[in-house]
Amino acid sequence: MKKAPLFATLILLAIGAGAQDNLTTTNNDLSASQLQSGDLSDPGDPPLLGPAWVPGSPEYQYQLQQQYRLLDPRMFWHRGLVMPQANVTAIFWGKRWNNDQYVGDKIDGLDSWYQGFGNSNYAATSNEYRGLNGQVTSNVAYTGHVIDATAATGGYNRAAILKEVCQQVNNNPDPTGNGYYPVYTDIPRPAGSMYCAYHSYGTCPGNNTLLQFAFFWSLEGPPGGGKEGCSVKHQEGELGHSLQLAALADYSAHELSEARTDPNNVFGRSGWFDAAGNENGDKCLAIYGDGPVTFSNGSQWKIQSEWSNKAYLGHNGIGFLKGCLPGQ
């Protein structure tokens, strides 16, 4: 994410939650060689929020350095909304989602992941944050998934991902404005160092209801920022999951937690993030507890911890800054 100027950082620290800034990441973080010809995002596309980098990559290291240099590493509220609850529908997009060999345990596994996320100790790691519309809660409901076996497009074209969501919900997203739609494609992550996933927001044609969405590469490769790329912190057979499912579950935790606490909305980017623009998932990427995280349905996962201001102030979290909660 773009580094805040020093004077902006000092203003944010001085006046706390009341500051507004321009910390939204732009399209300039991607080189033309990394993108398919003719598929560059338009400047008017939905913003890139919470890009989750490969642990060990230059972007990941830079993100860590940003946090360690802050005078105050806490996240601040920027006078906007949160997601008091989340109503999730997963979308599996791409021709290979009709191939049983490719699908393996991924669809059933992610169904179980979302079914167990709500009312879990892990979901509660984000419940301290409030917005104009109330408090984040562990009320995360999963409505199931849809499969679109047409050819998927790259996630760097965020307008295409939003269009796919709108098509799958017939331009009628969750009417509460708390709809969250993670899009899992069958596209391998492009060569070079690039994010593994991100979240964003938008509206559908003829419907002003805001929705939150996230995008995920297939996370099967190619290598970059580590021998196994986005799956570098996982292994085949981990807790009974395939390597690909383990990585997808980890990055799903990153993006859902960020969308709940920093959804983009009619106020622009105005949720919770630190003075360098890092959200709760960014601040604890690749920081894990001592054992598996058990969800409310009994399923177990190795997933990153999430940032807590309260844990940081009490010095009772994990990680270098002692502000990350594993949610076990």
Protein backbone atom coordinates (compact mmCIF):
# COMPACT_ATOMS: atom_id res chain seq x y z
CA MET A 1 0.00 0.00 0.00
CA LYS A 2 1.12 3.57 -0.60
CA LYS A 3 3.20 5.04 2.17
CA ALA A 4 1.67 8.06 3.89
CA PRO A 5 3.80 11.24 3.92
CA LEU A 6 5.41 12.03 7.25
CA PHE A 7 3.26 15.10 7.86
CA ALA A 8 0.09 13.08 7.16
CA THR A 9 1.28 10.41 9.57
CA LEU A 10 1.86 12.98 12.30
CA ILE A 11 -1.56 14.55 11.74
CA LEU A 12 -3.24 11.15 11.98
CA LEU A 13 -1.44 10.38 15.20
CA ALA A 14 -2.24 13.77 16.64
CA ILE A 15 -5.96 13.82 16.01
CA GLY A 16 -6.62 10.06 16.09
CA ALA A 17 -9.73 8.82 14.36
CA GLY A 18 -10.79 12.10 12.79
CA ALA A 19 -8.28 12.29 9.96
CA GLN A 20 -8.97 11.54 6.31
CA ASP A 21 -6.24 10.75 3.79
CA ASN A 22 -5.47 9.31 0.38
CA LEU A 23 -4.11 5.88 1.23
CA THR A 24 -5.95 3.85 -1.42
CA THR A 25 -3.53 1.79 -3.52
CA THR A 26 -3.52 2.65 -7.22
CA ASN A 27 -2.93 0.58 -10.34
CA ASN A 28 0.70 1.79 -10.51
CA ASP A 29 1.91 -1.17 -8.42
CA LEU A 30 1.65 -3.49 -11.46
CA SER A 31 4.03 -3.47 -14.41
CA ALA A 32 2.73 -3.98 -17.93
CA SER A 33 4.81 -7.14 -18.27
CA GLN A 34 2.75 -8.73 -15.48
CA LEU A 35 -0.59 -8.12 -17.17
CA GLN A 36 -2.34 -9.66 -20.12
CA SER A 37 -2.50 -7.36 -23.12
CA GLY A 38 -5.65 -5.27 -23.18
CA ASP A 39 -6.71 -6.25 -19.64
CA LEU A 40 -5.37 -3.31 -17.63
CA SER A 41 -7.71 -1.94 -14.99
CA ASP A 42 -9.36 1.34 -15.84
CA PRO A 43 -8.63 4.23 -13.43
CA GLY A 44 -12.35 4.24 -12.65
CA ASP A 45 -12.31 0.62 -11.47
CA PRO A 46 -13.14 -0.28 -7.87
CA PRO A 47 -10.13 0.37 -5.62
CA LEU A 48 -7.57 -2.25 -4.69
CA LEU A 49 -7.88 -2.76 -0.92
CA GLY A 50 -6.02 -5.12 1.37
CA PRO A 51 -3.73 -6.72 -1.23
CA ALA A 52 -2.35 -9.77 0.55
CA TRP A 53 1.26 -10.28 -0.47
CA VAL A 54 3.41 -13.38 -0.59
CA PRO A 55 5.23 -13.80 2.74
CA GLY A 56 8.87 -12.92 2.17
CA SER A 57 8.22 -10.90 -0.99
CA PRO A 58 9.55 -7.32 -1.36
CA GLU A 59 6.03 -5.96 -0.91
CA TYR A 60 5.56 -7.96 2.27
CA GLN A 61 8.88 -6.75 3.66
CA TYR A 62 8.01 -3.15 2.81
CA GLN A 63 4.66 -3.50 4.54
CA LEU A 64 6.40 -4.73 7.69
CA GLN A 65 8.86 -1.85 7.58
CA GLN A 66 6.00 0.64 7.30
CA GLN A 67 4.44 -0.65 10.49
CA TYR A 68 7.65 -0.80 12.51
CA ARG A 69 8.47 2.81 11.63
CA LEU A 70 5.13 4.20 12.82
CA LEU A 71 5.15 6.28 16.00
CA ASP A 72 1.85 4.60 16.87
CA PRO A 73 1.07 1.26 15.15
CA ARG A 74 -2.60 1.19 16.13
CA MET A 75 -5.41 1.27 13.57
CA PHE A 76 -7.56 4.40 13.58
CA TRP A 77 -11.18 4.89 12.62
CA HIS A 78 -11.76 7.24 9.69
CA ARG A 79 -15.39 8.21 10.41
CA GLY A 80 -17.09 5.67 8.17
CA LEU A 81 -18.93 2.36 8.25
CA VAL A 82 -18.03 -1.18 9.25
CA MET A 83 -19.83 -4.46 8.57
CA PRO A 84 -21.78 -5.23 11.77
CA GLN A 85 -22.59 -8.58 10.17
CA ALA A 86 -21.60 -10.29 6.95
CA ASN A 87 -23.75 -12.36 4.61
CA VAL A 88 -21.39 -14.41 2.44
CA THR A 89 -21.94 -16.08 -0.92
CA ALA A 90 -18.87 -17.64 -2.53
CA ILE A 91 -18.41 -17.63 -6.31
CA PHE A 92 -16.21 -20.20 -8.05
CA TRP A 93 -15.39 -18.85 -11.50
CA GLY A 94 -13.57 -20.62 -14.29
CA LYS A 95 -13.76 -23.63 -16.59
CA ARG A 96 -11.74 -25.87 -14.28
CA TRP A 97 -14.39 -25.72 -11.55
CA ASN A 98 -16.19 -28.39 -13.59
CA ASN A 99 -13.11 -30.64 -13.41
CA ASP A 100 -13.32 -32.97 -10.40
CA GLN A 101 -9.57 -33.51 -10.39
CA TYR A 102 -8.94 -29.77 -10.14
CA VAL A 103 -11.73 -29.13 -7.64
CA GLY A 104 -10.54 -31.79 -5.19
CA ASP A 105 -11.35 -30.63 -1.65
CA LYS A 106 -11.47 -26.90 -2.41
CA ILE A 107 -15.21 -26.21 -2.79
CA ASP A 108 -16.33 -28.46 0.06
CA GLY A 109 -13.45 -27.18 2.16
CA LEU A 110 -14.27 -23.52 1.65
CA ASP A 111 -17.96 -24.22 2.26
CA SER A 112 -16.96 -25.69 5.63
CA TRP A 113 -14.62 -22.76 6.28
CA TYR A 114 -17.35 -20.15 5.83
CA GLN A 115 -19.95 -22.22 7.67
CA GLY A 116 -17.66 -22.34 10.69
CA PHE A 117 -16.28 -18.81 10.61
CA GLY A 118 -19.38 -17.19 12.13
CA ASN A 119 -19.55 -17.19 15.94
CA SER A 120 -15.99 -18.50 16.18
CA ASN A 121 -13.26 -17.16 18.46
CA TYR A 122 -11.44 -16.19 15.30
CA ALA A 123 -14.33 -14.02 14.07
CA ALA A 124 -14.32 -12.31 17.48
CA THR A 125 -10.78 -11.00 16.92
CA SER A 126 -12.34 -8.16 14.87
CA ASN A 127 -15.27 -7.39 17.17
CA GLU A 128 -13.69 -4.44 19.00
CA TYR A 129 -14.13 -2.14 16.02
CA ARG A 130 -17.08 0.24 15.62
CA GLY A 131 -18.40 2.49 12.86
CA LEU A 132 -21.23 4.90 12.19
CA ASN A 133 -23.54 1.92 11.67
CA GLY A 134 -22.67 -0.01 14.82
CA GLN A 135 -20.17 -2.60 16.00
CA VAL A 136 -18.54 -5.50 14.17
CA THR A 137 -19.97 -8.77 15.49
CA SER A 138 -19.30 -12.47 14.98
CA ASN A 139 -22.55 -12.76 13.04
CA VAL A 140 -21.23 -14.08 9.72
CA ALA A 141 -23.80 -16.12 7.76
CA TYR A 142 -22.96 -18.30 4.77
CA THR A 143 -25.61 -18.67 2.09
CA GLY A 144 -23.62 -21.18 0.02
CA HIS A 145 -21.81 -20.99 -3.28
CA VAL A 146 -22.41 -20.71 -7.02
CA ILE A 147 -20.25 -22.11 -9.82
CA ASP A 148 -19.73 -20.22 -13.07
CA ALA A 149 -17.83 -22.51 -15.44
CA THR A 150 -17.19 -19.83 -18.07
CA ALA A 151 -13.66 -18.56 -18.63
CA ALA A 152 -12.53 -16.28 -15.78
CA THR A 153 -10.56 -13.08 -16.28
CA GLY A 154 -7.62 -11.73 -14.33
CA GLY A 155 -8.08 -10.16 -10.93
CA TYR A 156 -6.13 -7.04 -11.86
CA ASN A 157 -9.23 -6.08 -13.87
CA ARG A 158 -11.35 -5.30 -10.82
CA ALA A 159 -14.32 -4.04 -12.84
CA ALA A 160 -14.53 -7.51 -14.42
CA ILE A 161 -14.63 -9.15 -11.00
CA LEU A 162 -17.39 -6.81 -9.84
CA LYS A 163 -19.31 -7.49 -13.07
CA GLU A 164 -19.04 -11.23 -12.41
CA VAL A 165 -20.47 -10.80 -8.91
CA CYS A 166 -23.37 -8.74 -10.23
CA GLN A 167 -24.14 -11.31 -12.92
CA GLN A 168 -24.20 -14.12 -10.37
CA VAL A 169 -26.58 -12.25 -8.05
CA ASN A 170 -28.75 -10.97 -10.95
CA ASN A 171 -27.85 -7.39 -10.00
CA ASN A 172 -29.56 -7.87 -6.65
CA PRO A 173 -26.93 -8.18 -3.90
CA ASP A 174 -27.83 -8.64 -0.26
CA PRO A 175 -30.30 -5.78 0.42
CA THR A 176 -28.83 -5.04 3.86
CA GLY A 177 -25.61 -3.77 2.29
CA ASN A 178 -23.70 -6.43 4.24
CA GLY A 179 -23.20 -8.78 1.31
CA TYR A 180 -19.70 -10.18 0.88
CA TYR A 181 -18.83 -12.11 -2.28
CA PRO A 182 -15.43 -13.84 -2.47
CA VAL A 183 -14.56 -14.80 -6.05
CA TYR A 184 -12.30 -17.86 -6.38
CA THR A 185 -10.89 -18.22 -9.88
CA ASP A 186 -9.00 -21.07 -11.53
CA ILE A 187 -6.32 -18.67 -12.83
CA PRO A 188 -2.76 -19.23 -11.57
CA ARG A 189 -1.14 -16.14 -10.12
CA PRO A 190 0.87 -14.35 -12.85
CA ALA A 191 4.64 -14.55 -12.86
CA GLY A 192 6.48 -12.01 -10.79
CA SER A 193 5.76 -10.72 -7.31
CA MET A 194 2.04 -9.98 -7.10
CA TYR A 195 -0.69 -10.10 -4.50
CA CYS A 196 -2.39 -13.38 -3.67
CA ALA A 197 -5.81 -11.80 -3.00
CA TYR A 198 -7.55 -8.47 -2.36
CA HIS A 199 -10.93 -7.02 -1.40
CA SER A 200 -12.94 -4.16 -2.87
CA TYR A 201 -16.50 -2.91 -3.23
CA GLY A 202 -19.05 -1.68 -5.74
CA THR A 203 -22.68 -1.55 -6.88
CA CYS A 204 -24.57 -3.36 -9.64
CA PRO A 205 -26.32 -1.78 -12.65
CA GLY A 206 -29.68 -0.35 -11.63
CA ASN A 207 -29.07 -1.08 -7.94
CA ASN A 208 -27.44 1.31 -5.48
CA THR A 209 -26.92 -1.31 -2.74
CA LEU A 210 -23.24 -1.52 -1.84
CA LEU A 211 -21.58 -4.92 -1.84
CA GLN A 212 -18.14 -6.07 -0.76
CA PHE A 213 -16.19 -8.55 -2.86
CA ALA A 214 -12.82 -10.26 -2.82
CA PHE A 215 -10.66 -11.88 -5.46
CA PHE A 216 -8.37 -14.92 -5.23
CA TRP A 217 -5.99 -16.40 -7.77
CA SER A 218 -5.96 -20.21 -7.78
CA LEU A 219 -2.88 -19.99 -5.48
CA GLU A 220 -1.31 -23.01 -7.16
CA GLY A 221 1.60 -20.97 -8.56
CA PRO A 222 3.70 -19.93 -10.27
CA PRO A 223 6.54 -19.42 -7.81
CA GLY A 224 7.27 -15.87 -6.71
CA GLY A 225 8.36 -14.31 -3.42
CA GLY A 226 9.10 -17.80 -2.13
CA LYS A 227 9.47 -21.29 -3.57
CA GLU A 228 5.77 -22.07 -3.23
CA GLY A 229 4.46 -18.54 -3.72
CA CYS A 230 1.24 -17.87 -1.83
CA SER A 231 1.30 -21.32 -0.24
CA VAL A 232 4.81 -20.89 1.19
CA LYS A 233 3.54 -21.08 4.80
CA HIS A 234 1.54 -24.26 4.22
CA GLN A 235 2.12 -27.88 3.30
CA GLU A 236 0.24 -30.67 1.54
CA GLY A 237 -2.02 -32.61 3.92
CA GLU A 238 -2.03 -29.81 6.51
CA LEU A 239 -4.85 -30.58 8.98
CA GLY A 240 -6.27 -32.90 6.32
CA HIS A 241 -6.39 -30.19 3.63
CA SER A 242 -4.71 -29.98 0.25
CA LEU A 243 -1.98 -27.37 -0.13
CA GLN A 244 -4.21 -25.24 -2.33
CA LEU A 245 -7.16 -25.32 0.10
CA ALA A 246 -4.87 -24.47 3.02
CA ALA A 247 -3.57 -21.38 1.20
CA LEU A 248 -7.05 -20.28 0.05
CA ALA A 249 -8.41 -20.59 3.60
CA ASP A 250 -5.54 -18.50 4.98
CA TYR A 251 -6.05 -15.66 2.50
CA SER A 252 -9.82 -15.90 2.92
CA ALA A 253 -9.31 -15.06 6.60
CA HIS A 254 -7.19 -12.07 5.61
CA GLU A 255 -9.72 -10.56 3.20
CA LEU A 256 -12.93 -11.26 5.14
CA SER A 257 -11.50 -9.75 8.33
CA GLU A 258 -10.42 -6.64 6.43
CA ALA A 259 -13.77 -6.27 4.68
CA ARG A 260 -15.58 -6.43 8.04
CA THR A 261 -13.48 -3.68 9.58
CA ASP A 262 -12.63 -1.53 6.54
CA PRO A 263 -15.33 -1.87 3.90
CA ASN A 264 -15.19 0.74 1.20
CA ASN A 265 -18.46 2.63 1.11
CA VAL A 266 -20.23 5.86 0.22
CA PHE A 267 -17.77 7.75 2.41
CA GLY A 268 -14.80 6.40 0.47
CA ARG A 269 -12.14 4.58 2.41
CA SER A 270 -13.17 5.44 5.94
CA GLY A 271 -12.99 2.34 8.10
CA TRP A 272 -10.11 1.11 10.26
CA PHE A 273 -6.45 1.15 9.17
CA ASP A 274 -3.15 2.45 10.49
CA ALA A 275 -1.31 5.60 9.48
CA ALA A 276 0.45 3.75 6.66
CA GLY A 277 -2.82 2.35 5.28
CA ASN A 278 -2.46 -1.19 6.64
CA GLU A 279 -5.63 -3.05 7.65
CA ASN A 280 -5.98 -5.69 10.38
CA GLY A 281 -5.12 -8.55 8.03
CA ASP A 282 -2.10 -6.71 6.59
CA LYS A 283 -0.67 -6.10 10.05
CA CYS A 284 -0.62 -9.80 10.97
CA LEU A 285 0.03 -11.50 7.64
CA ALA A 286 1.96 -14.77 8.14
CA ILE A 287 1.81 -14.50 11.95
CA TYR A 288 0.28 -17.68 13.39
CA GLY A 289 -0.60 -19.02 16.82
CA ASP A 290 0.98 -22.13 18.31
CA GLY A 291 -1.67 -24.52 17.03
CA PRO A 292 -4.67 -24.83 14.72
CA VAL A 293 -7.63 -22.45 14.81
CA THR A 294 -10.87 -24.30 15.56
CA PHE A 295 -14.02 -22.83 14.04
CA SER A 296 -17.56 -23.01 15.45
CA ASN A 297 -18.35 -26.10 13.34
CA GLY A 298 -15.28 -27.95 14.64
CA SER A 299 -13.22 -27.58 11.46
CA GLN A 300 -9.55 -26.72 11.99
CA TRP A 301 -7.28 -24.44 10.02
CA LYS A 302 -3.88 -22.83 9.97
CA ILE A 303 -4.77 -19.19 9.36
CA GLN A 304 -3.06 -15.92 10.15
CA SER A 305 -3.86 -13.87 13.22
CA GLU A 306 -5.64 -10.49 13.10
CA TRP A 307 -4.62 -7.12 14.54
CA SER A 308 -6.18 -5.87 17.76
CA ASN A 309 -5.60 -2.40 19.20
CA LYS A 310 -6.62 -3.72 22.60
CA ALA A 311 -4.12 -6.56 22.44
CA TYR A 312 -1.36 -4.12 21.45
CA LEU A 313 -2.17 -1.75 24.31
CA GLY A 314 -2.29 -4.66 26.75
CA HIS A 315 0.86 -6.19 25.24
CA ASN A 316 -0.89 -9.57 25.28
CA GLY A 317 -1.03 -10.44 21.61
CA ILE A 318 1.54 -12.25 19.45
CA GLY A 319 3.97 -11.04 16.81
CA PHE A 320 6.75 -8.47 17.02
CA LEU A 321 4.38 -5.71 18.17
CA LYS A 322 2.31 -8.01 20.39
CA GLY A 323 -0.89 -6.83 18.71
CA CYS A 324 -2.03 -9.92 16.79
CA LEU A 325 -4.74 -12.29 18.04
CA PRO A 326 -4.69 -15.89 16.76
CA GLY A 327 -8.38 -16.53 17.54
CA GLN A 328 -7.81 -20.03 18.84
